[in-house]
Amino acid sequence: MASAAVCVSIVLVFLPGVSVQHQEDVRNSFELAARAADRQAVKDGDDAKWCNSFMTTLLNVHWFGHQAGLAEEVKGPVFDSLQVSDSERQLLSHALNSLEKKPENQDALKLFTEGVLDQVNEDAIPRLLFIGGGSYRGKFQLAICSERNDAVSVTSYFLQFHVDGARYRALLYSDGNIDVKTTVSSYVYGLNDGLYHKIRSRIKEKLEATGISKQATISGL
């Protein structure tokens, strides 16, 4: 059975067959990397370095990966730009719809929105990437995790957006009525499970030590 979770500004969709332990490993690794990248981006004032910092942290905790596609500007709906199967696209869409609309996902939605937007307008929280006016910028990832023969793989799409003059319109479904620029780049990651298990507990302790570690399951997938 498929499942989904929010880790900071990342929506993770786990395909059927991913073990509970590997789901935890992915969530913890990606949260650790995202928080490290956020700190570096604030320090440098350069969001362009975010992905490099994110990947560096993953490599340091025994993931391996590469950029699968150069950053491209999105034309039209974001989902149409993702190189995924129809069933994976449907799962991503279902996860985001559940995140936005189901009351039990309110905390997960707030966590995601606060992680995505550089500046959070409380009016934006109840709706998934619907902005209440003005200019906004932010970043997020849509990631799909699979497991085959005990090997974990994650394909992640990193999106950056800048919107000018939005008024309650979804960034994921730009209709041309507002000025939205979104770019997407894709990455593929794999986990060296033999090495990772030696530091699994240390990663959990490191996240707990930050005092801000938050993850949330998306219900209703």
C-alpha atoms as a PDB file:
ATOM      1  CA  MET A   1       0.000   0.000   0.000  1.00  0.00           C
ATOM      2  CA  ALA A   2       1.318   3.443  -0.907  1.00  0.00           C
ATOM      3  CA  SER A   3       1.856   6.101   1.748  1.00  0.00           C
ATOM      4  CA  ALA A   4       3.071   9.686   1.929  1.00  0.00           C
ATOM      5  CA  ALA A   5       4.703  12.085   4.364  1.00  0.00           C
ATOM      6  CA  VAL A   6       5.905  15.665   4.712  1.00  0.00           C
ATOM      7  CA  CYS A   7       9.472  16.377   5.790  1.00  0.00           C
ATOM      8  CA  VAL A   8      10.053  20.134   5.979  1.00  0.00           C
ATOM      9  CA  SER A   9       9.468  21.290   2.362  1.00  0.00           C
ATOM     10  CA  ILE A  10       9.440  17.796   0.856  1.00  0.00           C
ATOM     11  CA  VAL A  11       6.449  15.645  -0.027  1.00  0.00           C
ATOM     12  CA  LEU A  12       7.574  12.017  -0.042  1.00  0.00           C
ATOM     13  CA  VAL A  13       5.434   9.354  -1.698  1.00  0.00           C
ATOM     14  CA  PHE A  14       6.345   5.760  -0.856  1.00  0.00           C
ATOM     15  CA  LEU A  15       5.303   3.199  -3.432  1.00  0.00           C
ATOM     16  CA  PRO A  16       3.964  -0.172  -2.274  1.00  0.00           C
ATOM     17  CA  GLY A  17       6.779  -2.453  -1.131  1.00  0.00           C
ATOM     18  CA  VAL A  18       8.955   0.090   0.682  1.00  0.00           C
ATOM     19  CA  SER A  19       9.623  -1.327   4.145  1.00  0.00           C
ATOM     20  CA  VAL A  20       8.710   0.588   7.295  1.00  0.00           C
ATOM     21  CA  GLN A  21      12.385   0.813   8.244  1.00  0.00           C
ATOM     22  CA  HIS A  22      13.380   2.222   4.878  1.00  0.00           C
ATOM     23  CA  GLN A  23      10.541   4.738   4.997  1.00  0.00           C
ATOM     24  CA  GLU A  24      11.949   5.980   8.299  1.00  0.00           C
ATOM     25  CA  ASP A  25      15.482   6.051   6.855  1.00  0.00           C
ATOM     26  CA  VAL A  26      14.338   8.158   3.895  1.00  0.00           C
ATOM     27  CA  ARG A  27      12.346  10.565   6.054  1.00  0.00           C
ATOM     28  CA  ASN A  28      15.177  11.083   8.519  1.00  0.00           C
ATOM     29  CA  SER A  29      17.870  11.444   5.854  1.00  0.00           C
ATOM     30  CA  PHE A  30      15.864  13.885   3.769  1.00  0.00           C
ATOM     31  CA  GLU A  31      14.855  15.975   6.766  1.00  0.00           C
ATOM     32  CA  LEU A  32      18.468  16.148   7.935  1.00  0.00           C
ATOM     33  CA  ALA A  33      19.623  17.210   4.457  1.00  0.00           C
ATOM     34  CA  ALA A  34      16.818  19.767   4.033  1.00  0.00           C
ATOM     35  CA  ARG A  35      17.505  21.444   7.380  1.00  0.00           C
ATOM     36  CA  ALA A  36      21.224  21.606   6.620  1.00  0.00           C
ATOM     37  CA  ALA A  37      20.484  23.131   3.210  1.00  0.00           C
ATOM     38  CA  ASP A  38      18.087  25.665   4.746  1.00  0.00           C
ATOM     39  CA  ARG A  39      20.754  26.815   7.200  1.00  0.00           C
ATOM     40  CA  GLN A  40      23.334  27.148   4.422  1.00  0.00           C
ATOM     41  CA  ALA A  41      20.934  29.068   2.177  1.00  0.00           C
ATOM     42  CA  VAL A  42      20.205  31.566   4.966  1.00  0.00           C
ATOM     43  CA  LYS A  43      23.923  31.951   5.675  1.00  0.00           C
ATOM     44  CA  ASP A  44      24.883  32.480   2.013  1.00  0.00           C
ATOM     45  CA  GLY A  45      21.715  34.224   0.912  1.00  0.00           C
ATOM     46  CA  ASP A  46      21.798  32.021  -2.188  1.00  0.00           C
ATOM     47  CA  ASP A  47      18.985  29.548  -2.828  1.00  0.00           C
ATOM     48  CA  ALA A  48      20.867  28.264  -5.877  1.00  0.00           C
ATOM     49  CA  LYS A  49      23.241  26.467  -3.508  1.00  0.00           C
ATOM     50  CA  TRP A  50      20.397  24.721  -1.717  1.00  0.00           C
ATOM     51  CA  CYS A  51      20.504  21.563  -3.844  1.00  0.00           C
ATOM     52  CA  ASN A  52      24.285  21.271  -3.570  1.00  0.00           C
ATOM     53  CA  SER A  53      24.088  21.463   0.205  1.00  0.00           C
ATOM     54  CA  PHE A  54      21.193  18.990   0.278  1.00  0.00           C
ATOM     55  CA  MET A  55      23.072  16.447  -1.824  1.00  0.00           C
ATOM     56  CA  THR A  56      26.311  16.910   0.126  1.00  0.00           C
ATOM     57  CA  THR A  57      24.530  16.023   3.365  1.00  0.00           C
ATOM     58  CA  LEU A  58      22.967  12.926   1.790  1.00  0.00           C
ATOM     59  CA  LEU A  59      26.360  11.798   0.486  1.00  0.00           C
ATOM     60  CA  ASN A  60      27.802  12.215   3.979  1.00  0.00           C
ATOM     61  CA  VAL A  61      25.227   9.806   5.409  1.00  0.00           C
ATOM     62  CA  HIS A  62      25.836   7.074   2.829  1.00  0.00           C
ATOM     63  CA  TRP A  63      23.461   7.992   0.054  1.00  0.00           C
ATOM     64  CA  PHE A  64      24.671   8.276  -3.516  1.00  0.00           C
ATOM     65  CA  GLY A  65      23.062  10.210  -6.302  1.00  0.00           C
ATOM     66  CA  HIS A  66      23.260  12.479  -9.293  1.00  0.00           C
ATOM     67  CA  GLN A  67      21.341  15.233 -11.012  1.00  0.00           C
ATOM     68  CA  ALA A  68      19.232  13.535 -13.639  1.00  0.00           C
ATOM     69  CA  GLY A  69      18.127  16.647 -15.479  1.00  0.00           C
ATOM     70  CA  LEU A  70      19.173  20.266 -15.783  1.00  0.00           C
ATOM     71  CA  ALA A  71      16.898  22.940 -14.366  1.00  0.00           C
ATOM     72  CA  GLU A  72      14.166  23.842 -16.837  1.00  0.00           C
ATOM     73  CA  GLU A  73      11.406  26.397 -16.716  1.00  0.00           C
ATOM     74  CA  VAL A  74       7.993  24.848 -16.219  1.00  0.00           C
ATOM     75  CA  LYS A  75       5.399  25.616 -18.855  1.00  0.00           C
ATOM     76  CA  GLY A  76       1.892  24.860 -17.667  1.00  0.00           C
ATOM     77  CA  PRO A  77       0.951  22.513 -14.815  1.00  0.00           C
ATOM     78  CA  VAL A  78       3.873  21.274 -12.741  1.00  0.00           C
ATOM     79  CA  PHE A  79       2.731  17.655 -12.874  1.00  0.00           C
ATOM     80  CA  ASP A  80       2.986  17.636 -16.668  1.00  0.00           C
ATOM     81  CA  SER A  81       6.693  18.497 -16.395  1.00  0.00           C
ATOM     82  CA  LEU A  82       7.562  15.518 -14.190  1.00  0.00           C
ATOM     83  CA  GLN A  83       9.032  12.465 -15.881  1.00  0.00           C
ATOM     84  CA  VAL A  84       6.973   9.927 -13.958  1.00  0.00           C
ATOM     85  CA  SER A  85       4.542   7.169 -14.837  1.00  0.00           C
ATOM     86  CA  ASP A  86       0.816   7.857 -14.932  1.00  0.00           C
ATOM     87  CA  SER A  87       0.305   5.877 -11.713  1.00  0.00           C
ATOM     88  CA  GLU A  88       3.071   7.817  -9.930  1.00  0.00           C
ATOM     89  CA  ARG A  89       1.639  11.123 -11.144  1.00  0.00           C
ATOM     90  CA  GLN A  90      -1.745  10.065  -9.816  1.00  0.00           C
ATOM     91  CA  LEU A  91      -0.252   9.208  -6.415  1.00  0.00           C
ATOM     92  CA  LEU A  92       1.502  12.573  -6.198  1.00  0.00           C
ATOM     93  CA  SER A  93      -1.703  14.356  -7.137  1.00  0.00           C
ATOM     94  CA  HIS A  94      -3.688  12.370  -4.585  1.00  0.00           C
ATOM     95  CA  ALA A  95      -1.128  13.093  -1.866  1.00  0.00           C
ATOM     96  CA  LEU A  96      -1.216  16.839  -2.514  1.00  0.00           C
ATOM     97  CA  ASN A  97      -5.011  16.917  -2.727  1.00  0.00           C
ATOM     98  CA  SER A  98      -5.254  15.040   0.579  1.00  0.00           C
ATOM     99  CA  LEU A  99      -2.684  17.369   2.127  1.00  0.00           C
ATOM    100  CA  GLU A 100      -4.706  20.397   1.099  1.00  0.00           C
ATOM    101  CA  LYS A 101      -8.258  19.276   1.710  1.00  0.00           C
ATOM    102  CA  LYS A 102      -8.423  16.760   4.547  1.00  0.00           C
ATOM    103  CA  PRO A 103      -8.769  18.299   8.031  1.00  0.00           C
ATOM    104  CA  GLU A 104      -6.616  15.578   9.586  1.00  0.00           C
ATOM    105  CA  ASN A 105      -3.678  16.825   7.487  1.00  0.00           C
ATOM    106  CA  GLN A 106      -3.836  20.381   8.819  1.00  0.00           C
ATOM    107  CA  ASP A 107      -0.575  20.082  10.785  1.00  0.00           C
ATOM    108  CA  ALA A 108       1.198  18.476   7.834  1.00  0.00           C
ATOM    109  CA  LEU A 109      -0.039  21.262   5.534  1.00  0.00           C
ATOM    110  CA  LYS A 110       1.231  23.944   7.888  1.00  0.00           C
ATOM    111  CA  LEU A 111       4.610  22.211   8.200  1.00  0.00           C
ATOM    112  CA  PHE A 112       4.919  21.969   4.421  1.00  0.00           C
ATOM    113  CA  THR A 113       3.818  25.537   3.700  1.00  0.00           C
ATOM    114  CA  GLU A 114       6.158  26.986   6.321  1.00  0.00           C
ATOM    115  CA  GLY A 115       9.018  24.995   4.792  1.00  0.00           C
ATOM    116  CA  VAL A 116       8.197  26.005   1.232  1.00  0.00           C
ATOM    117  CA  LEU A 117       7.625  29.738   1.451  1.00  0.00           C
ATOM    118  CA  ASP A 118      10.415  32.174   2.233  1.00  0.00           C
ATOM    119  CA  GLN A 119       7.858  34.329   4.009  1.00  0.00           C
ATOM    120  CA  VAL A 120       4.707  32.777   5.397  1.00  0.00           C
ATOM    121  CA  ASN A 121       1.409  34.614   5.154  1.00  0.00           C
ATOM    122  CA  GLU A 122      -1.098  32.954   7.472  1.00  0.00           C
ATOM    123  CA  ASP A 123      -3.697  33.311   4.707  1.00  0.00           C
ATOM    124  CA  ALA A 124      -1.653  30.850   2.664  1.00  0.00           C
ATOM    125  CA  ILE A 125      -1.687  28.076   5.252  1.00  0.00           C
ATOM    126  CA  PRO A 126      -5.228  26.725   4.681  1.00  0.00           C
ATOM    127  CA  ARG A 127      -4.627  26.264   0.966  1.00  0.00           C
ATOM    128  CA  LEU A 128      -1.802  24.361  -0.677  1.00  0.00           C
ATOM    129  CA  LEU A 129       0.451  26.949  -2.309  1.00  0.00           C
ATOM    130  CA  PHE A 130      -2.377  29.407  -2.747  1.00  0.00           C
ATOM    131  CA  ILE A 131      -1.046  32.853  -2.002  1.00  0.00           C
ATOM    132  CA  GLY A 132      -3.056  35.762  -0.647  1.00  0.00           C
ATOM    133  CA  GLY A 133      -1.583  38.543  -2.764  1.00  0.00           C
ATOM    134  CA  GLY A 134       1.796  40.160  -3.344  1.00  0.00           C
ATOM    135  CA  SER A 135       5.103  38.650  -4.418  1.00  0.00           C
ATOM    136  CA  TYR A 136       6.375  35.349  -3.032  1.00  0.00           C
ATOM    137  CA  ARG A 137       9.198  32.951  -3.663  1.00  0.00           C
ATOM    138  CA  GLY A 138       9.976  29.511  -2.367  1.00  0.00           C
ATOM    139  CA  LYS A 139      11.098  25.979  -3.084  1.00  0.00           C
ATOM    140  CA  PHE A 140       9.886  22.437  -2.519  1.00  0.00           C
ATOM    141  CA  GLN A 141      10.495  18.848  -3.574  1.00  0.00           C
ATOM    142  CA  LEU A 142       8.164  16.148  -4.818  1.00  0.00           C
ATOM    143  CA  ALA A 143       9.834  12.775  -4.285  1.00  0.00           C
ATOM    144  CA  ILE A 144       8.915   9.192  -5.121  1.00  0.00           C
ATOM    145  CA  CYS A 145      10.525   6.349  -3.184  1.00  0.00           C
ATOM    146  CA  SER A 146      10.606   2.736  -4.342  1.00  0.00           C
ATOM    147  CA  GLU A 147      12.254  -0.463  -3.151  1.00  0.00           C
ATOM    148  CA  ARG A 148      13.329  -3.468  -5.164  1.00  0.00           C
ATOM    149  CA  ASN A 149      15.329  -6.426  -3.862  1.00  0.00           C
ATOM    150  CA  ASP A 150      15.877  -4.506  -0.596  1.00  0.00           C
ATOM    151  CA  ALA A 151      17.455  -1.586  -2.505  1.00  0.00           C
ATOM    152  CA  VAL A 152      15.923   1.853  -1.938  1.00  0.00           C
ATOM    153  CA  SER A 153      15.716   4.460  -4.679  1.00  0.00           C
ATOM    154  CA  VAL A 154      14.316   8.010  -4.539  1.00  0.00           C
ATOM    155  CA  THR A 155      13.568  10.191  -7.547  1.00  0.00           C
ATOM    156  CA  SER A 156      13.146  13.791  -6.464  1.00  0.00           C
ATOM    157  CA  TYR A 157      11.952  16.856  -8.351  1.00  0.00           C
ATOM    158  CA  PHE A 158      13.235  20.137  -6.933  1.00  0.00           C
ATOM    159  CA  LEU A 159      11.072  23.133  -7.792  1.00  0.00           C
ATOM    160  CA  GLN A 160      11.763  26.807  -7.247  1.00  0.00           C
ATOM    161  CA  PHE A 161       9.110  29.425  -7.897  1.00  0.00           C
ATOM    162  CA  HIS A 162       8.613  33.155  -7.883  1.00  0.00           C
ATOM    163  CA  VAL A 163       5.144  34.598  -8.128  1.00  0.00           C
ATOM    164  CA  ASP A 164       4.210  38.241  -8.555  1.00  0.00           C
ATOM    165  CA  GLY A 165       0.733  39.562  -7.836  1.00  0.00           C
ATOM    166  CA  ALA A 166      -0.870  36.227  -7.003  1.00  0.00           C
ATOM    167  CA  ARG A 167      -4.355  36.251  -5.606  1.00  0.00           C
ATOM    168  CA  TYR A 168      -5.509  32.825  -4.483  1.00  0.00           C
ATOM    169  CA  ARG A 169      -4.292  30.880  -7.455  1.00  0.00           C
ATOM    170  CA  ALA A 170      -2.462  27.589  -7.265  1.00  0.00           C
ATOM    171  CA  LEU A 171       1.191  27.680  -8.203  1.00  0.00           C
ATOM    172  CA  LEU A 172       0.969  24.026  -9.187  1.00  0.00           C
ATOM    173  CA  TYR A 173      -1.599  24.878 -11.824  1.00  0.00           C
ATOM    174  CA  SER A 174      -0.562  28.224 -13.292  1.00  0.00           C
ATOM    175  CA  ASP A 175      -3.210  29.458 -15.711  1.00  0.00           C
ATOM    176  CA  GLY A 176      -1.302  32.395 -17.150  1.00  0.00           C
ATOM    177  CA  ASN A 177      -3.331  35.018 -15.307  1.00  0.00           C
ATOM    178  CA  ILE A 178      -0.503  35.806 -12.906  1.00  0.00           C
ATOM    179  CA  ASP A 179       3.232  36.109 -13.328  1.00  0.00           C
ATOM    180  CA  VAL A 180       4.677  32.806 -12.088  1.00  0.00           C
ATOM    181  CA  LYS A 181       8.113  31.493 -12.910  1.00  0.00           C
ATOM    182  CA  THR A 182       8.827  27.942 -11.822  1.00  0.00           C
ATOM    183  CA  THR A 183      11.901  25.841 -12.570  1.00  0.00           C
ATOM    184  CA  VAL A 184      12.296  22.118 -12.006  1.00  0.00           C
ATOM    185  CA  SER A 185      15.350  19.882 -11.809  1.00  0.00           C
ATOM    186  CA  SER A 186      15.420  16.146 -11.128  1.00  0.00           C
ATOM    187  CA  TYR A 187      17.683  13.995  -8.976  1.00  0.00           C
ATOM    188  CA  VAL A 188      18.026  10.272  -8.379  1.00  0.00           C
ATOM    189  CA  TYR A 189      19.297   8.889  -5.069  1.00  0.00           C
ATOM    190  CA  GLY A 190      20.126   5.452  -3.728  1.00  0.00           C
ATOM    191  CA  LEU A 191      20.922   4.279  -0.203  1.00  0.00           C
ATOM    192  CA  ASN A 192      23.971   2.250   0.830  1.00  0.00           C
ATOM    193  CA  ASP A 193      22.061   0.260   3.403  1.00  0.00           C
ATOM    194  CA  GLY A 194      25.106  -1.665   4.586  1.00  0.00           C
ATOM    195  CA  LEU A 195      26.795   1.524   5.779  1.00  0.00           C
ATOM    196  CA  TYR A 196      23.717   3.501   6.721  1.00  0.00           C
ATOM    197  CA  HIS A 197      22.555   1.071   9.378  1.00  0.00           C
ATOM    198  CA  LYS A 198      25.732   1.831  11.361  1.00  0.00           C
ATOM    199  CA  ILE A 199      24.751   5.502  11.749  1.00  0.00           C
ATOM    200  CA  ARG A 200      20.960   5.137  11.789  1.00  0.00           C
ATOM    201  CA  SER A 201      20.637   5.861  15.509  1.00  0.00           C
ATOM    202  CA  ARG A 202      23.055   8.797  15.335  1.00  0.00           C
ATOM    203  CA  ILE A 203      20.986  10.474  12.625  1.00  0.00           C
ATOM    204  CA  LYS A 204      17.856  10.137  14.757  1.00  0.00           C
ATOM    205  CA  GLU A 205      19.720  11.595  17.733  1.00  0.00           C
ATOM    206  CA  LYS A 206      21.033  14.472  15.615  1.00  0.00           C
ATOM    207  CA  LEU A 207      17.527  15.344  14.448  1.00  0.00           C
ATOM    208  CA  GLU A 208      16.141  15.164  17.979  1.00  0.00           C
ATOM    209  CA  ALA A 209      18.970  17.385  19.221  1.00  0.00           C
ATOM    210  CA  THR A 210      17.901  20.199  16.880  1.00  0.00           C
ATOM    211  CA  GLY A 211      14.688  20.590  18.837  1.00  0.00           C
ATOM    212  CA  ILE A 212      12.815  21.391  15.626  1.00  0.00           C
ATOM    213  CA  SER A 213      12.587  17.987  13.978  1.00  0.00           C
ATOM    214  CA  LYS A 214       9.131  17.569  12.498  1.00  0.00           C
ATOM    215  CA  GLN A 215       7.673  15.046  10.120  1.00  0.00           C
ATOM    216  CA  ALA A 216       4.036  14.368   9.353  1.00  0.00           C
ATOM    217  CA  THR A 217       2.190  11.531   7.687  1.00  0.00           C
ATOM    218  CA  ILE A 218      -0.288  12.494   4.972  1.00  0.00           C
ATOM    219  CA  SER A 219      -3.537  10.708   5.728  1.00  0.00           C
ATOM    220  CA  GLY A 220      -6.056   9.571   3.181  1.00  0.00           C
ATOM    221  CA  LEU A 221      -3.749   8.480   0.370  1.00  0.00           C
END
